[in-house]
Amino acid sequence: MLSTGALRAHLLAARLAGPVATSREESLRRYRLFAARDPRVLIGIDPEWSWNEQDLIDLMADKCGVSGNPRHRTGHDVIDPERTLAALDAFAERLAAVAQRSGAVLLGTGHPHRLLGFYAALADALSAAGCAVLTPAYGRCVDITTRFGLRTYNLQYVRGVALVRRREAESSGGEPGAHTHSPLPVRTALAAAAESGGPLPELVIGDHGWVCGAGQLGFETIGLADTDDPALFVGEAEGAVSVVVPLDDGVRSDYYRPLTRYVLNRACLSQ
């Protein structure tokens, strides 16, 4: 079993925590956009409270360990590994709870290049524990507004994990999935699950819009988030999201494997 000390060392060595690649400038820019309620940064959360930039800096300092000094405006953000470890323990508790009752789960990612393996291992373990890993709206088209304009994506599942692919990339086999913050894929999946009359997820696991979009609709959600994604942490603060793990969500995919082992061991789930 991977010890807490060994995982802490890995978090720092892989720059999943400690000084991370995310820049302070980018985080502050996104806090300003969130305070202005820009939907590109809200990613599915409709905040109940009024959040200004300083409120968000204070929240992210508390949840992630970034600097709470508003005059600190350059350099790399820093994530406190102790906060990451505590959130991973809470994440594992929610996995264990849904596994104990063999509940239905939905997993999805906006970071398929980096995080697909992490979520796929969770899907495998939850399925082995008797959970139904849902795959609603497979192949459904989703129109998402991007910086390049409106683009059509297809909702797909790989090893039980939802992601979106651009239609032209899918036909050419050119990518494992697209990076997106949009809540539209999870809304599409949840609507299809409701329309089918089948089970609805008791837990949604993911990142970006998958967590925020489902949490806003009242589903229990847990996920991962970087320091430039304040929406998930606001959702957690307001009670729409159950657990958010602060970490760099853009490092090499194999760097997340020790986190997988840790949370599955903590949840008493086989790999």
Protein backbone atom coordinates (compact mmCIF):
# COMPACT_ATOMS: atom_id res chain seq x y z
CA MET A 1 0.00 0.00 0.00
CA LEU A 2 1.30 3.46 -0.91
CA SER A 3 1.90 5.39 2.31
CA THR A 4 0.81 8.97 2.86
CA GLY A 5 4.45 10.01 3.10
CA ALA A 6 5.34 8.32 -0.18
CA LEU A 7 2.40 9.93 -1.94
CA ARG A 8 3.30 13.35 -0.54
CA ALA A 9 6.80 12.94 -1.92
CA HIS A 10 5.38 11.91 -5.30
CA LEU A 11 3.02 14.89 -5.40
CA LEU A 12 5.95 17.23 -4.94
CA ALA A 13 8.34 15.40 -7.27
CA ALA A 14 5.77 15.23 -10.09
CA ARG A 15 4.69 18.83 -9.44
CA LEU A 16 1.12 17.74 -8.88
CA ALA A 17 1.37 19.86 -5.75
CA GLY A 18 3.92 22.31 -4.42
CA PRO A 19 4.99 24.77 -7.14
CA VAL A 20 2.86 23.81 -10.16
CA ALA A 21 2.94 24.79 -13.82
CA THR A 22 -0.23 26.89 -13.58
CA SER A 23 0.71 30.56 -13.53
CA ARG A 24 -0.50 33.05 -10.97
CA GLU A 25 -1.41 35.40 -13.81
CA GLU A 26 -3.74 32.84 -15.40
CA SER A 27 -5.39 31.97 -12.10
CA LEU A 28 -6.05 35.64 -11.29
CA ARG A 29 -7.41 36.22 -14.79
CA ARG A 30 -9.89 33.41 -14.33
CA TYR A 31 -10.89 34.65 -10.87
CA ARG A 32 -11.74 38.02 -12.44
CA LEU A 33 -13.77 36.30 -15.16
CA PHE A 34 -15.59 34.18 -12.58
CA ALA A 35 -16.40 37.28 -10.53
CA ALA A 36 -17.89 38.78 -13.72
CA ARG A 37 -19.91 35.53 -14.15
CA ASP A 38 -18.36 34.68 -17.48
CA PRO A 39 -19.94 31.33 -18.49
CA ARG A 40 -16.60 30.13 -19.87
CA VAL A 41 -15.29 30.08 -16.30
CA LEU A 42 -18.51 29.26 -14.43
CA ILE A 43 -18.56 25.95 -16.42
CA GLY A 44 -22.03 25.00 -15.21
CA ILE A 45 -22.09 26.47 -11.70
CA ASP A 46 -24.66 29.18 -10.97
CA PRO A 47 -23.24 30.72 -7.77
CA GLU A 48 -25.70 31.52 -5.02
CA TRP A 49 -23.33 33.99 -3.41
CA SER A 50 -21.67 37.09 -4.80
CA TRP A 51 -17.97 36.41 -5.37
CA ASN A 52 -15.43 39.16 -6.09
CA GLU A 53 -11.78 38.60 -6.95
CA GLN A 54 -10.59 38.89 -3.35
CA ASP A 55 -13.27 36.45 -2.18
CA LEU A 56 -11.98 33.95 -4.73
CA ILE A 57 -8.35 34.49 -3.76
CA ASP A 58 -9.31 33.84 -0.14
CA LEU A 59 -11.27 30.73 -1.09
CA MET A 60 -8.47 29.31 -3.22
CA ALA A 61 -5.91 30.06 -0.50
CA ASP A 62 -8.07 28.07 1.92
CA LYS A 63 -8.88 25.18 -0.44
CA CYS A 64 -5.60 24.90 -2.35
CA GLY A 65 -2.95 26.75 -0.41
CA VAL A 66 -2.21 29.39 -3.07
CA SER A 67 -1.04 32.80 -1.92
CA GLY A 68 -3.77 34.87 -0.30
CA ASN A 69 -1.87 38.08 -1.02
CA PRO A 70 -3.68 39.99 -3.81
CA ARG A 71 -0.42 41.83 -4.59
CA HIS A 72 1.22 38.53 -5.51
CA ARG A 73 0.45 38.60 -9.24
CA THR A 74 3.26 36.76 -11.04
CA GLY A 75 5.06 33.44 -10.98
CA HIS A 76 3.78 29.91 -10.44
CA ASP A 77 0.90 28.95 -8.21
CA VAL A 78 1.58 26.70 -5.23
CA ILE A 79 -0.69 23.90 -4.00
CA ASP A 80 -0.30 22.68 -0.44
CA PRO A 81 0.23 18.87 -0.65
CA GLU A 82 -1.46 18.44 2.73
CA ARG A 83 -4.67 19.85 1.28
CA THR A 84 -4.34 17.50 -1.69
CA LEU A 85 -3.88 14.50 0.61
CA ALA A 86 -6.84 15.46 2.80
CA ALA A 87 -9.06 15.87 -0.26
CA LEU A 88 -7.91 12.52 -1.69
CA ASP A 89 -8.97 10.87 1.59
CA ALA A 90 -12.40 12.52 1.33
CA PHE A 91 -12.58 11.48 -2.34
CA ALA A 92 -11.85 7.87 -1.35
CA GLU A 93 -14.58 7.99 1.31
CA ARG A 94 -17.17 8.89 -1.32
CA LEU A 95 -15.95 6.08 -3.58
CA ALA A 96 -16.23 3.62 -0.70
CA ALA A 97 -19.73 4.81 0.16
CA VAL A 98 -21.11 4.35 -3.36
CA ALA A 99 -19.34 0.98 -3.71
CA GLN A 100 -20.83 -0.29 -0.45
CA ARG A 101 -24.34 0.25 -1.76
CA SER A 102 -23.45 -0.81 -5.36
CA GLY A 103 -24.71 2.54 -6.61
CA ALA A 104 -24.73 3.70 -10.21
CA VAL A 105 -21.90 6.03 -11.21
CA LEU A 106 -21.07 8.29 -14.14
CA LEU A 107 -17.49 9.26 -14.95
CA GLY A 108 -16.39 11.93 -17.41
CA THR A 109 -13.38 14.07 -18.20
CA GLY A 110 -12.52 17.23 -20.06
CA HIS A 111 -8.84 16.22 -19.82
CA PRO A 112 -8.77 12.87 -21.68
CA HIS A 113 -5.11 13.23 -22.70
CA ARG A 114 -4.04 13.41 -19.05
CA LEU A 115 -6.73 11.96 -16.80
CA LEU A 116 -8.47 9.19 -18.77
CA GLY A 117 -6.33 6.49 -17.16
CA PHE A 118 -7.06 7.74 -13.66
CA TYR A 119 -10.83 7.67 -14.16
CA ALA A 120 -10.78 4.41 -16.13
CA ALA A 121 -9.08 2.63 -13.23
CA LEU A 122 -11.79 3.96 -10.89
CA ALA A 123 -14.48 2.75 -13.31
CA ASP A 124 -12.93 -0.72 -13.41
CA ALA A 125 -12.75 -0.94 -9.62
CA LEU A 126 -16.29 0.36 -9.08
CA SER A 127 -17.65 -2.04 -11.67
CA ALA A 128 -15.87 -4.94 -9.95
CA ALA A 129 -17.50 -3.83 -6.68
CA GLY A 130 -20.96 -4.13 -8.26
CA CYS A 131 -21.58 -0.54 -9.29
CA ALA A 132 -23.30 0.16 -12.59
CA VAL A 133 -20.95 2.35 -14.66
CA LEU A 134 -23.38 4.32 -16.82
CA THR A 135 -22.80 5.26 -20.46
CA PRO A 136 -25.87 7.31 -21.47
CA ALA A 137 -26.12 9.26 -24.74
CA TYR A 138 -23.32 7.31 -26.40
CA GLY A 139 -22.62 8.86 -29.80
CA ARG A 140 -24.88 11.85 -29.18
CA CYS A 141 -23.88 15.14 -30.82
CA VAL A 142 -23.04 18.07 -28.55
CA ASP A 143 -22.59 21.59 -29.95
CA ILE A 144 -20.03 23.51 -27.87
CA THR A 145 -18.97 27.13 -28.32
CA THR A 146 -15.17 27.37 -28.39
CA ARG A 147 -12.73 30.18 -29.08
CA PHE A 148 -12.85 29.00 -32.70
CA GLY A 149 -16.66 29.26 -32.84
CA LEU A 150 -19.43 26.67 -32.54
CA ARG A 151 -18.13 23.13 -33.01
CA THR A 152 -19.92 19.79 -33.00
CA TYR A 153 -18.55 16.99 -30.86
CA ASN A 154 -19.64 13.41 -30.30
CA LEU A 155 -20.07 12.05 -26.80
CA GLN A 156 -18.09 8.82 -26.46
CA TYR A 157 -17.05 6.43 -23.70
CA VAL A 158 -13.63 4.84 -23.33
CA ARG A 159 -13.33 2.17 -20.61
CA GLY A 160 -16.46 3.55 -19.00
CA VAL A 161 -15.30 7.19 -18.99
CA ALA A 162 -17.16 9.83 -20.99
CA LEU A 163 -15.32 12.29 -23.20
CA VAL A 164 -16.02 14.25 -26.36
CA ARG A 165 -14.37 13.98 -29.75
CA ARG A 166 -14.56 16.40 -32.63
CA ARG A 167 -16.54 14.74 -35.41
CA GLU A 168 -13.81 15.26 -37.98
CA ALA A 169 -11.15 13.89 -35.61
CA GLU A 170 -13.30 10.85 -34.84
CA SER A 171 -13.65 9.95 -38.51
CA SER A 172 -9.87 10.18 -38.98
CA GLY A 173 -8.99 8.50 -35.68
CA GLY A 174 -6.79 11.47 -34.88
CA GLU A 175 -7.26 12.10 -31.15
CA PRO A 176 -8.20 10.28 -27.92
CA GLY A 177 -10.61 13.06 -27.02
CA ALA A 178 -10.95 16.82 -26.81
CA HIS A 179 -10.08 19.15 -23.96
CA THR A 180 -13.20 20.96 -22.81
CA HIS A 181 -14.56 22.84 -19.80
CA SER A 182 -18.15 22.76 -21.03
CA PRO A 183 -21.01 21.42 -18.86
CA LEU A 184 -23.03 20.52 -21.97
CA PRO A 185 -21.70 16.93 -22.27
CA VAL A 186 -22.79 15.99 -18.75
CA ARG A 187 -26.14 17.70 -19.20
CA THR A 188 -26.63 15.69 -22.39
CA ALA A 189 -25.68 12.45 -20.64
CA LEU A 190 -27.91 13.06 -17.63
CA ALA A 191 -30.87 14.06 -19.79
CA ALA A 192 -30.48 10.87 -21.83
CA ALA A 193 -30.29 8.77 -18.67
CA ALA A 194 -33.52 10.35 -17.40
CA GLU A 195 -35.26 9.90 -20.76
CA SER A 196 -34.34 6.22 -20.90
CA GLY A 197 -36.02 5.46 -17.59
CA GLY A 198 -32.89 3.65 -16.45
CA PRO A 199 -30.85 4.38 -13.33
CA LEU A 200 -29.51 7.84 -12.64
CA PRO A 201 -26.03 8.18 -11.17
CA GLU A 202 -25.71 8.30 -7.41
CA LEU A 203 -22.22 9.76 -7.87
CA VAL A 204 -20.63 11.69 -10.75
CA ILE A 205 -16.83 11.64 -10.89
CA GLY A 206 -14.74 13.90 -13.10
CA ASP A 207 -13.44 17.40 -13.65
CA HIS A 208 -14.37 20.73 -15.24
CA GLY A 209 -17.96 20.88 -16.51
CA TRP A 210 -18.64 17.24 -15.63
CA VAL A 211 -18.46 18.12 -11.94
CA CYS A 212 -19.97 21.60 -12.08
CA GLY A 213 -22.76 20.75 -14.53
CA ALA A 214 -23.88 17.68 -12.57
CA GLY A 215 -23.49 19.33 -9.18
CA GLN A 216 -25.63 22.27 -10.24
CA LEU A 217 -28.38 19.79 -11.18
CA GLY A 218 -28.31 18.27 -7.68
CA PHE A 219 -26.20 15.16 -8.28
CA GLU A 220 -23.46 14.26 -5.83
CA THR A 221 -20.14 15.02 -7.50
CA ILE A 222 -16.45 14.61 -6.71
CA GLY A 223 -13.50 15.59 -8.85
CA LEU A 224 -10.10 17.09 -9.50
CA ALA A 225 -9.28 20.73 -10.17
CA ASP A 226 -6.34 23.03 -10.75
CA THR A 227 -5.85 26.47 -9.23
CA ASP A 228 -7.25 28.21 -12.32
CA ASP A 229 -10.61 26.39 -12.04
CA PRO A 230 -12.36 28.26 -9.21
CA ALA A 231 -15.84 27.04 -10.22
CA LEU A 232 -15.37 23.60 -8.63
CA PHE A 233 -14.15 25.08 -5.36
CA VAL A 234 -17.02 27.59 -5.30
CA GLY A 235 -19.37 24.66 -5.89
CA GLU A 236 -17.80 22.87 -2.94
CA ALA A 237 -18.04 25.96 -0.73
CA GLU A 238 -21.72 26.41 -1.60
CA GLY A 239 -22.59 22.72 -1.23
CA ALA A 240 -23.19 21.85 -4.88
CA VAL A 241 -20.01 19.73 -5.07
CA SER A 242 -19.01 17.18 -2.42
CA VAL A 243 -15.22 16.92 -2.81
CA VAL A 244 -12.63 18.70 -4.94
CA VAL A 245 -9.01 17.54 -4.98
CA PRO A 246 -6.58 20.42 -5.66
CA LEU A 247 -3.76 19.39 -7.99
CA ASP A 248 -2.19 20.18 -11.34
CA ASP A 249 -4.52 18.56 -13.87
CA GLY A 250 -2.13 18.80 -16.82
CA VAL A 251 0.94 16.70 -15.99
CA ARG A 252 1.90 13.40 -17.65
CA SER A 253 -0.83 10.77 -17.43
CA ASP A 254 1.39 8.21 -15.70
CA TYR A 255 2.02 10.63 -12.83
CA TYR A 256 -1.58 10.08 -11.68
CA ARG A 257 -1.14 6.31 -11.22
CA PRO A 258 0.07 6.55 -7.59
CA LEU A 259 -3.04 8.65 -6.82
CA THR A 260 -5.18 5.88 -8.30
CA ARG A 261 -3.52 3.26 -6.09
CA TYR A 262 -3.86 5.49 -3.04
CA VAL A 263 -7.58 6.28 -3.35
CA LEU A 264 -8.53 2.71 -4.29
CA ASN A 265 -6.63 1.37 -1.28
CA ARG A 266 -8.24 3.97 0.96
CA ALA A 267 -11.66 3.03 -0.43
CA CYS A 268 -10.90 -0.70 0.02
CA LEU A 269 -11.46 -1.29 -3.70
CA SER A 270 -9.43 -3.71 -5.79
CA GLN A 271 -7.47 -2.41 -8.78
